[in-house]
Each structure stands twice: as structure tokens, then as C-alpha cells.
C-alpha atoms as a PDB file:
ATOM      1  CA  MET A   1      58.679  83.319  87.877  1.00  0.00           C
ATOM      2  CA  SER A   2      55.944  83.613  85.269  1.00  0.00           C
ATOM      3  CA  GLU A   3      52.802  85.444  86.300  1.00  0.00           C
ATOM      4  CA  ASN A   4      50.927  82.223  85.591  1.00  0.00           C
ATOM      5  CA  ALA A   5      52.996  80.092  87.919  1.00  0.00           C
ATOM      6  CA  PRO A   6      51.123  81.061  91.146  1.00  0.00           C
ATOM      7  CA  LEU A   7      47.811  79.864  89.677  1.00  0.00           C
ATOM      8  CA  THR A   8      49.262  76.474  88.786  1.00  0.00           C
ATOM      9  CA  ALA A   9      51.032  76.069  92.120  1.00  0.00           C
ATOM     10  CA  LYS A  10      47.901  77.070  93.997  1.00  0.00           C
ATOM     11  CA  LYS A  11      45.931  74.185  92.404  1.00  0.00           C
ATOM     12  CA  ARG A  12      48.656  71.635  92.796  1.00  0.00           C
ATOM     13  CA  LEU A  13      49.279  72.060  96.526  1.00  0.00           C
ATOM     14  CA  PRO A  14      45.963  70.793  97.964  1.00  0.00           C
ATOM     15  CA  ARG A  15      45.908  67.867  95.539  1.00  0.00           C
ATOM     16  CA  MET A  16      49.352  66.669  96.588  1.00  0.00           C
ATOM     17  CA  VAL A  17      48.435  67.121 100.263  1.00  0.00           C
ATOM     18  CA  LEU A  18      45.424  64.876  99.732  1.00  0.00           C
ATOM     19  CA  SER A  19      47.166  62.199  97.648  1.00  0.00           C
ATOM     20  CA  LEU A  20      50.391  61.936  99.626  1.00  0.00           C
ATOM     21  CA  GLY A  21      49.119  62.673 103.125  1.00  0.00           C
ATOM     22  CA  LEU A  22      51.723  65.329 103.863  1.00  0.00           C
ATOM     23  CA  VAL A  23      49.531  67.686 105.815  1.00  0.00           C
ATOM     24  CA  GLY A  24      51.635  69.975 107.950  1.00  0.00           C
ATOM     25  CA  ALA A  25      54.900  69.136 106.230  1.00  0.00           C
ATOM     26  CA  GLY A  26      55.340  72.229 104.103  1.00  0.00           C
ATOM     27  CA  LEU A  27      58.776  71.475 102.744  1.00  0.00           C
ATOM     28  CA  ALA A  28      57.979  67.865 101.913  1.00  0.00           C
ATOM     29  CA  ILE A  29      54.827  69.004 100.111  1.00  0.00           C
ATOM     30  CA  ALA A  30      56.758  71.486  98.018  1.00  0.00           C
ATOM     31  CA  VAL A  31      59.263  68.841  97.024  1.00  0.00           C
ATOM     32  CA  GLY A  32      56.504  66.383  96.214  1.00  0.00           C
ATOM     33  CA  VAL A  33      54.742  68.879  93.989  1.00  0.00           C
ATOM     34  CA  TRP A  34      57.931  69.601  92.088  1.00  0.00           C
ATOM     35  CA  VAL A  35      58.765  65.925  91.542  1.00  0.00           C
ATOM     36  CA  SER A  36      55.274  64.793  90.536  1.00  0.00           C
ATOM     37  CA  ASN A  37      54.221  67.719  88.414  1.00  0.00           C
ATOM     38  CA  GLY A  38      57.294  69.252  86.945  1.00  0.00           C
ATOM     39  CA  GLY A  39      60.559  67.795  88.272  1.00  0.00           C
ATOM     40  CA  GLY A  40      61.213  65.670  85.194  1.00  0.00           C
ATOM     41  CA  ALA A  41      63.795  66.658  82.606  1.00  0.00           C
ATOM     42  CA  ALA A  42      62.662  68.834  79.710  1.00  0.00           C
ATOM     43  CA  THR A  43      63.200  67.603  76.178  1.00  0.00           C
ATOM     44  CA  PRO A  44      64.764  69.706  73.356  1.00  0.00           C
ATOM     45  CA  GLU A  45      61.538  70.045  71.344  1.00  0.00           C
ATOM     46  CA  CYS A  46      59.432  71.006  74.355  1.00  0.00           C
ATOM     47  CA  ALA A  47      59.980  74.378  75.985  1.00  0.00           C
ATOM     48  CA  PRO A  48      58.273  75.129  79.309  1.00  0.00           C
ATOM     49  CA  GLN A  49      54.688  76.304  78.743  1.00  0.00           C
ATOM     50  CA  LEU A  50      53.446  77.822  81.969  1.00  0.00           C
ATOM     51  CA  GLN A  51      50.744  79.897  80.291  1.00  0.00           C
ATOM     52  CA  ALA A  52      49.318  76.810  78.592  1.00  0.00           C
ATOM     53  CA  ALA A  53      49.449  74.882  81.841  1.00  0.00           C
ATOM     54  CA  ALA A  54      47.661  77.736  83.650  1.00  0.00           C
ATOM     55  CA  ALA A  55      44.946  77.747  80.970  1.00  0.00           C
ATOM     56  CA  ILE A  56      44.240  74.055  81.543  1.00  0.00           C
ATOM     57  CA  ASP A  57      44.393  74.546  85.319  1.00  0.00           C
ATOM     58  CA  SER A  58      41.814  77.329  85.004  1.00  0.00           C
ATOM     59  CA  ALA A  59      39.510  75.062  82.958  1.00  0.00           C
ATOM     60  CA  ALA A  60      39.965  72.013  85.225  1.00  0.00           C
ATOM     61  CA  GLN A  61      37.204  72.533  87.776  1.00  0.00           C
ATOM     62  CA  GLY A  62      34.453  70.487  89.408  1.00  0.00           C
ATOM     63  CA  GLU A  63      34.563  66.845  88.338  1.00  0.00           C
ATOM     64  CA  LEU A  64      37.840  67.420  86.419  1.00  0.00           C
ATOM     65  CA  ALA A  65      39.601  69.311  89.221  1.00  0.00           C
ATOM     66  CA  ALA A  66      42.211  66.570  89.565  1.00  0.00           C
ATOM     67  CA  VAL A  67      43.702  67.505  86.151  1.00  0.00           C
ATOM     68  CA  THR A  68      46.911  69.352  86.951  1.00  0.00           C
ATOM     69  CA  GLY A  69      48.580  71.754  84.530  1.00  0.00           C
ATOM     70  CA  THR A  70      52.292  71.055  84.226  1.00  0.00           C
ATOM     71  CA  GLY A  71      53.819  72.480  81.020  1.00  0.00           C
ATOM     72  CA  THR A  72      57.326  71.899  82.268  1.00  0.00           C
ATOM     73  CA  GLY A  73      58.872  70.689  79.007  1.00  0.00           C
ATOM     74  CA  ARG A  74      58.483  66.905  79.077  1.00  0.00           C
ATOM     75  CA  GLY A  75      58.000  65.447  75.640  1.00  0.00           C
ATOM     76  CA  TYR A  76      56.542  62.150  74.426  1.00  0.00           C
ATOM     77  CA  SER A  77      56.884  62.207  70.636  1.00  0.00           C
ATOM     78  CA  GLU A  78      59.148  59.134  70.676  1.00  0.00           C
ATOM     79  CA  VAL A  79      56.837  57.016  72.878  1.00  0.00           C
ATOM     80  CA  ALA A  80      56.028  53.920  70.808  1.00  0.00           C
ATOM     81  CA  PHE A  81      53.157  51.411  70.640  1.00  0.00           C
ATOM     82  CA  GLN A  82      51.376  49.141  68.153  1.00  0.00           C
ATOM     83  CA  ASP A  83      48.177  49.638  66.299  1.00  0.00           C
ATOM     84  CA  GLY A  84      45.541  46.956  65.826  1.00  0.00           C
ATOM     85  CA  ASP A  85      47.429  45.531  62.823  1.00  0.00           C
ATOM     86  CA  GLY A  86      50.706  45.230  64.728  1.00  0.00           C
ATOM     87  CA  GLN A  87      52.257  48.259  62.991  1.00  0.00           C
ATOM     88  CA  MET A  88      54.512  50.451  65.132  1.00  0.00           C
ATOM     89  CA  LYS A  89      53.323  53.977  65.883  1.00  0.00           C
ATOM     90  CA  THR A  90      54.625  56.850  67.954  1.00  0.00           C
ATOM     91  CA  ILE A  91      52.943  59.822  69.532  1.00  0.00           C
ATOM     92  CA  GLY A  92      54.955  61.857  67.004  1.00  0.00           C
ATOM     93  CA  ASP A  93      52.819  60.333  64.254  1.00  0.00           C
ATOM     94  CA  PHE A  94      49.956  62.450  65.539  1.00  0.00           C
ATOM     95  CA  LYS A  95      51.866  65.702  65.194  1.00  0.00           C
ATOM     96  CA  GLY A  96      49.677  68.764  64.859  1.00  0.00           C
ATOM     97  CA  LYS A  97      46.906  67.383  67.085  1.00  0.00           C
ATOM     98  CA  ALA A  98      46.235  68.046  70.703  1.00  0.00           C
ATOM     99  CA  LEU A  99      46.055  64.637  72.359  1.00  0.00           C
ATOM    100  CA  LEU A 100      44.313  63.127  75.356  1.00  0.00           C
ATOM    101  CA  VAL A 101      46.567  60.075  75.817  1.00  0.00           C
ATOM    102  CA  ASN A 102      44.981  57.583  78.169  1.00  0.00           C
ATOM    103  CA  PHE A 103      47.048  54.680  79.482  1.00  0.00           C
ATOM    104  CA  TRP A 104      44.795  51.768  80.493  1.00  0.00           C
ATOM    105  CA  ALA A 105      44.655  47.998  81.009  1.00  0.00           C
ATOM    106  CA  SER A 106      41.823  45.521  80.841  1.00  0.00           C
ATOM    107  CA  TRP A 107      42.562  44.312  84.407  1.00  0.00           C
ATOM    108  CA  CYS A 108      42.312  47.869  85.793  1.00  0.00           C
ATOM    109  CA  ILE A 109      38.785  48.401  87.121  1.00  0.00           C
ATOM    110  CA  PRO A 110      38.907  52.234  87.135  1.00  0.00           C
ATOM    111  CA  CYS A 111      40.218  52.070  83.555  1.00  0.00           C
ATOM    112  CA  ARG A 112      37.289  49.902  82.520  1.00  0.00           C
ATOM    113  CA  GLU A 113      34.826  52.279  84.115  1.00  0.00           C
ATOM    114  CA  GLU A 114      36.371  55.256  82.314  1.00  0.00           C
ATOM    115  CA  MET A 115      36.112  53.778  78.802  1.00  0.00           C
ATOM    116  CA  PRO A 116      32.523  54.794  77.998  1.00  0.00           C
ATOM    117  CA  ALA A 117      33.324  58.438  78.844  1.00  0.00           C
ATOM    118  CA  LEU A 118      36.448  58.409  76.678  1.00  0.00           C
ATOM    119  CA  ASN A 119      34.483  56.877  73.815  1.00  0.00           C
ATOM    120  CA  THR A 120      31.928  59.704  74.106  1.00  0.00           C
ATOM    121  CA  VAL A 121      34.597  62.407  74.113  1.00  0.00           C
ATOM    122  CA  ALA A 122      36.302  60.838  71.122  1.00  0.00           C
ATOM    123  CA  GLY A 123      33.064  60.731  69.177  1.00  0.00           C
ATOM    124  CA  LYS A 124      32.279  64.348  70.050  1.00  0.00           C
ATOM    125  CA  TYR A 125      35.681  65.966  69.632  1.00  0.00           C
ATOM    126  CA  ASN A 126      38.052  63.884  67.457  1.00  0.00           C
ATOM    127  CA  ASP A 127      38.965  65.967  64.428  1.00  0.00           C
ATOM    128  CA  ALA A 128      41.948  67.536  62.683  1.00  0.00           C
ATOM    129  CA  ASP A 129      42.951  69.378  65.887  1.00  0.00           C
ATOM    130  CA  PHE A 130      42.318  66.795  68.619  1.00  0.00           C
ATOM    131  CA  GLU A 131      42.250  63.079  69.288  1.00  0.00           C
ATOM    132  CA  VAL A 132      41.671  60.710  72.183  1.00  0.00           C
ATOM    133  CA  LEU A 133      44.572  58.276  72.048  1.00  0.00           C
ATOM    134  CA  PRO A 134      44.057  55.236  74.296  1.00  0.00           C
ATOM    135  CA  VAL A 135      47.161  53.064  74.842  1.00  0.00           C
ATOM    136  CA  ASN A 136      46.592  49.622  76.324  1.00  0.00           C
ATOM    137  CA  LEU A 137      49.178  48.180  78.695  1.00  0.00           C
ATOM    138  CA  ASP A 138      48.180  44.514  78.988  1.00  0.00           C
ATOM    139  CA  ILE A 139      51.619  42.944  78.969  1.00  0.00           C
ATOM    140  CA  GLY A 140      52.852  39.756  77.306  1.00  0.00           C
ATOM    141  CA  ASP A 141      52.226  37.980  74.026  1.00  0.00           C
ATOM    142  CA  GLY A 142      48.482  37.803  74.626  1.00  0.00           C
ATOM    143  CA  GLY A 143      48.122  41.343  75.832  1.00  0.00           C
ATOM    144  CA  ILE A 144      46.923  42.827  72.558  1.00  0.00           C
ATOM    145  CA  ASP A 145      44.338  40.054  72.118  1.00  0.00           C
ATOM    146  CA  LYS A 146      42.952  40.770  75.614  1.00  0.00           C
ATOM    147  CA  ALA A 147      42.688  44.479  74.757  1.00  0.00           C
ATOM    148  CA  ARG A 148      41.052  43.770  71.397  1.00  0.00           C
ATOM    149  CA  LYS A 149      38.399  41.538  72.995  1.00  0.00           C
ATOM    150  CA  PHE A 150      37.729  44.062  75.730  1.00  0.00           C
ATOM    151  CA  LEU A 151      37.140  46.900  73.267  1.00  0.00           C
ATOM    152  CA  ALA A 152      34.973  44.685  71.068  1.00  0.00           C
ATOM    153  CA  ASP A 153      32.865  43.522  74.016  1.00  0.00           C
ATOM    154  CA  GLY A 154      32.416  47.096  75.140  1.00  0.00           C
ATOM    155  CA  ASN A 155      31.311  48.270  71.690  1.00  0.00           C
ATOM    156  CA  TRP A 156      33.217  51.536  71.809  1.00  0.00           C
ATOM    157  CA  PRO A 157      33.606  52.400  68.111  1.00  0.00           C
ATOM    158  CA  ASN A 158      35.478  55.651  68.736  1.00  0.00           C
ATOM    159  CA  LEU A 159      38.371  54.021  70.621  1.00  0.00           C
ATOM    160  CA  PRO A 160      40.932  52.399  68.315  1.00  0.00           C
ATOM    161  CA  LEU A 161      43.259  49.659  69.502  1.00  0.00           C
ATOM    162  CA  TYR A 162      46.724  50.873  70.365  1.00  0.00           C
ATOM    163  CA  ALA A 163      48.830  48.812  72.709  1.00  0.00           C
ATOM    164  CA  ASP A 164      52.254  48.567  74.295  1.00  0.00           C
ATOM    165  CA  PRO A 165      52.593  44.999  75.632  1.00  0.00           C
ATOM    166  CA  THR A 166      56.208  45.807  76.607  1.00  0.00           C
ATOM    167  CA  PHE A 167      55.018  48.381  79.186  1.00  0.00           C
ATOM    168  CA  LYS A 168      57.917  50.643  78.187  1.00  0.00           C
ATOM    169  CA  ALA A 169      55.654  53.623  77.572  1.00  0.00           C
ATOM    170  CA  PHE A 170      54.406  53.599  81.129  1.00  0.00           C
ATOM    171  CA  ASP A 171      57.894  52.884  82.484  1.00  0.00           C
ATOM    172  CA  LYS A 172      58.829  56.339  81.143  1.00  0.00           C
ATOM    173  CA  LEU A 173      56.051  57.889  83.244  1.00  0.00           C
ATOM    174  CA  LYS A 174      57.217  56.072  86.347  1.00  0.00           C
ATOM    175  CA  THR A 175      60.907  56.918  85.756  1.00  0.00           C
ATOM    176  CA  GLU A 176      60.112  60.622  85.337  1.00  0.00           C
ATOM    177  CA  ALA A 177      57.773  60.626  88.341  1.00  0.00           C
ATOM    178  CA  VAL A 178      54.730  61.570  86.209  1.00  0.00           C
ATOM    179  CA  SER A 179      52.528  58.733  87.510  1.00  0.00           C
ATOM    180  CA  ILE A 180      52.729  55.411  89.288  1.00  0.00           C
ATOM    181  CA  GLY A 181      49.354  53.841  88.543  1.00  0.00           C
ATOM    182  CA  LEU A 182      46.559  53.318  86.014  1.00  0.00           C
ATOM    183  CA  PRO A 183      44.675  54.911  84.531  1.00  0.00           C
ATOM    184  CA  THR A 184      46.782  57.952  83.700  1.00  0.00           C
ATOM    185  CA  SER A 185      45.945  60.586  81.136  1.00  0.00           C
ATOM    186  CA  LEU A 186      48.334  63.033  79.488  1.00  0.00           C
ATOM    187  CA  LEU A 187      47.172  66.199  77.796  1.00  0.00           C
ATOM    188  CA  LEU A 188      49.698  66.959  75.036  1.00  0.00           C
ATOM    189  CA  ASP A 189      50.090  69.762  72.542  1.00  0.00           C
ATOM    190  CA  GLY A 190      50.605  69.371  68.811  1.00  0.00           C
ATOM    191  CA  LYS A 191      54.314  68.534  69.265  1.00  0.00           C
ATOM    192  CA  GLY A 192      53.693  65.816  71.865  1.00  0.00           C
ATOM    193  CA  CYS A 193      54.695  68.081  74.731  1.00  0.00           C
ATOM    194  CA  GLU A 194      53.052  67.699  78.116  1.00  0.00           C
ATOM    195  CA  ILE A 195      50.591  70.383  79.156  1.00  0.00           C
ATOM    196  CA  ALA A 196      48.744  68.588  81.933  1.00  0.00           C
ATOM    197  CA  VAL A 197      48.438  65.254  83.714  1.00  0.00           C
ATOM    198  CA  LEU A 198      45.606  63.356  85.385  1.00  0.00           C
ATOM    199  CA  GLN A 199      46.385  60.449  87.697  1.00  0.00           C
ATOM    200  CA  GLY A 200      43.304  58.281  88.020  1.00  0.00           C
ATOM    201  CA  PRO A 201      39.947  58.154  86.199  1.00  0.00           C
ATOM    202  CA  ALA A 202      37.654  61.067  85.374  1.00  0.00           C
ATOM    203  CA  PRO A 203      34.147  61.646  84.003  1.00  0.00           C
ATOM    204  CA  TRP A 204      35.436  63.132  80.746  1.00  0.00           C
ATOM    205  CA  ASP A 205      31.919  63.102  79.218  1.00  0.00           C
ATOM    206  CA  THR A 206      30.627  65.920  81.429  1.00  0.00           C
ATOM    207  CA  PRO A 207      30.407  69.711  81.083  1.00  0.00           C
ATOM    208  CA  ASP A 208      33.553  69.910  83.208  1.00  0.00           C
ATOM    209  CA  GLY A 209      35.313  67.504  80.873  1.00  0.00           C
ATOM    210  CA  ASP A 210      34.150  69.537  77.879  1.00  0.00           C
ATOM    211  CA  LYS A 211      35.844  72.629  79.326  1.00  0.00           C
ATOM    212  CA  VAL A 212      39.194  70.861  79.673  1.00  0.00           C
ATOM    213  CA  VAL A 213      39.093  69.399  76.156  1.00  0.00           C
ATOM    214  CA  GLU A 214      38.029  72.695  74.638  1.00  0.00           C
ATOM    215  CA  ALA A 215      40.789  74.536  76.488  1.00  0.00           C
ATOM    216  CA  LEU A 216      43.366  72.065  75.137  1.00  0.00           C
ATOM    217  CA  LYS A 217      42.072  72.343  71.588  1.00  0.00           C
ATOM    218  CA  ALA A 218      42.177  76.140  71.844  1.00  0.00           C
ATOM    219  CA  LEU A 219      45.890  75.973  72.683  1.00  0.00           C
ATOM    220  CA  VAL A 220      46.666  74.093  69.468  1.00  0.00           C
ATOM    221  CA  LYS A 221      44.674  76.526  67.355  1.00  0.00           C
ATOM    222  CA  THR A 222      46.446  79.621  68.698  1.00  0.00           C
END
């Protein structure tokens, strides 16, 4: 086992106890941690990155303590969605950038509350090495229009419209036991490989959020 693995496991255990209510069931907790934060199949382009996951775990403190370093080899470069003009994009199109991919929907109240913070982070940090990538999941033919109106009404100029009205992108997360609800954020490296996951909203526009984003950007630059 990598010398970084104990740090990652140490952070994961209390979070899974809290979220799944498995206090006192040591074996069940261990299995739950493995499934939710690393039991998915690795992809050919994404080797396990325990040191990178440990670096994010170390940075994820205080208000961002729920961010969990994974680095187990899951890849998302083929995940597809549309841009505001209806053109197809994939996460692979952002190759070379660290990504904070946020899956959201206009009907999701925690998602709505998180948007101002994501807009602030995007305005502060988006550059050649990093980007906030929000992916809307309002389903159906009118889903993209709902997302467009919501972003316009919110006046968040740093958050572009990307949308997957088919919901297939999030189905991948559910199938691989990454997350089951919205919002969900993925922290990805420059190849679209998973470094960390956050299930639920977070105050990204805080000093604690800055530490996580800066740690992710540092991984891409090294």
C-alpha cells in the first residue's frame, strides 16, 4: 500500500460513517468506503494516483472537509454534453486543464445555492491550467432552455452553459457508485482522471475552497 493511502483512508472513514449511518459496523463501513470512493473500474488512460488524492485530502479542511481524495483511476474524458449553441463537447476537449466539474439542475435547491460560489471561483481561477465546468442536468427537450434562463436570471457571467438533457453523464456516476444525488463535483486532472469527489454543495468561494482549488492546480503544473 502506498504511504499516502493511510491519510486518504483516515479522512474517508468518518465521512462514510456519518453519511451512511454505519456506526459500529466496521466491515460494512470498509466496504462502503471502497465502493463509494474507489471501487469503480479504472480506465486505461487513468492510472491510480494515490499521492495526488492525498494532496487534495490534505488541503480539504474546514468548510471543504467533505471533499474526498480518490485517485483510483476512473476517467471521464468521454463524458459528453452540449454547449450553449447545441454543439457536442466532451470533458476530453478540456485536456490539459484541471477541472472542477459540477453537476447541477435548476430544480435542485442546494445546486442553486452553490452557483454564486462557483461563479466567484471561476472568475478568480479560470485560466490555462484550471476551469470550473458546470454541467446542467435538466432533462427533456426543454431542459437546456430552463438552464439558460436560470443562469441568465442569476447573472453569473463566469459560468457557461453546458448541459446533458439525456442525464447519461450522471448515470455514469451512479453506475460506478461515485454519487447518487445532486449537486456532485468532480476534481479531475489534465487527462480527465478523477482525483477527488464531493457529494453535495460546498462554499467554494472561501479560504478553504481556495486551498482545494490551488492544490488541484498545483497537481497539473507538476
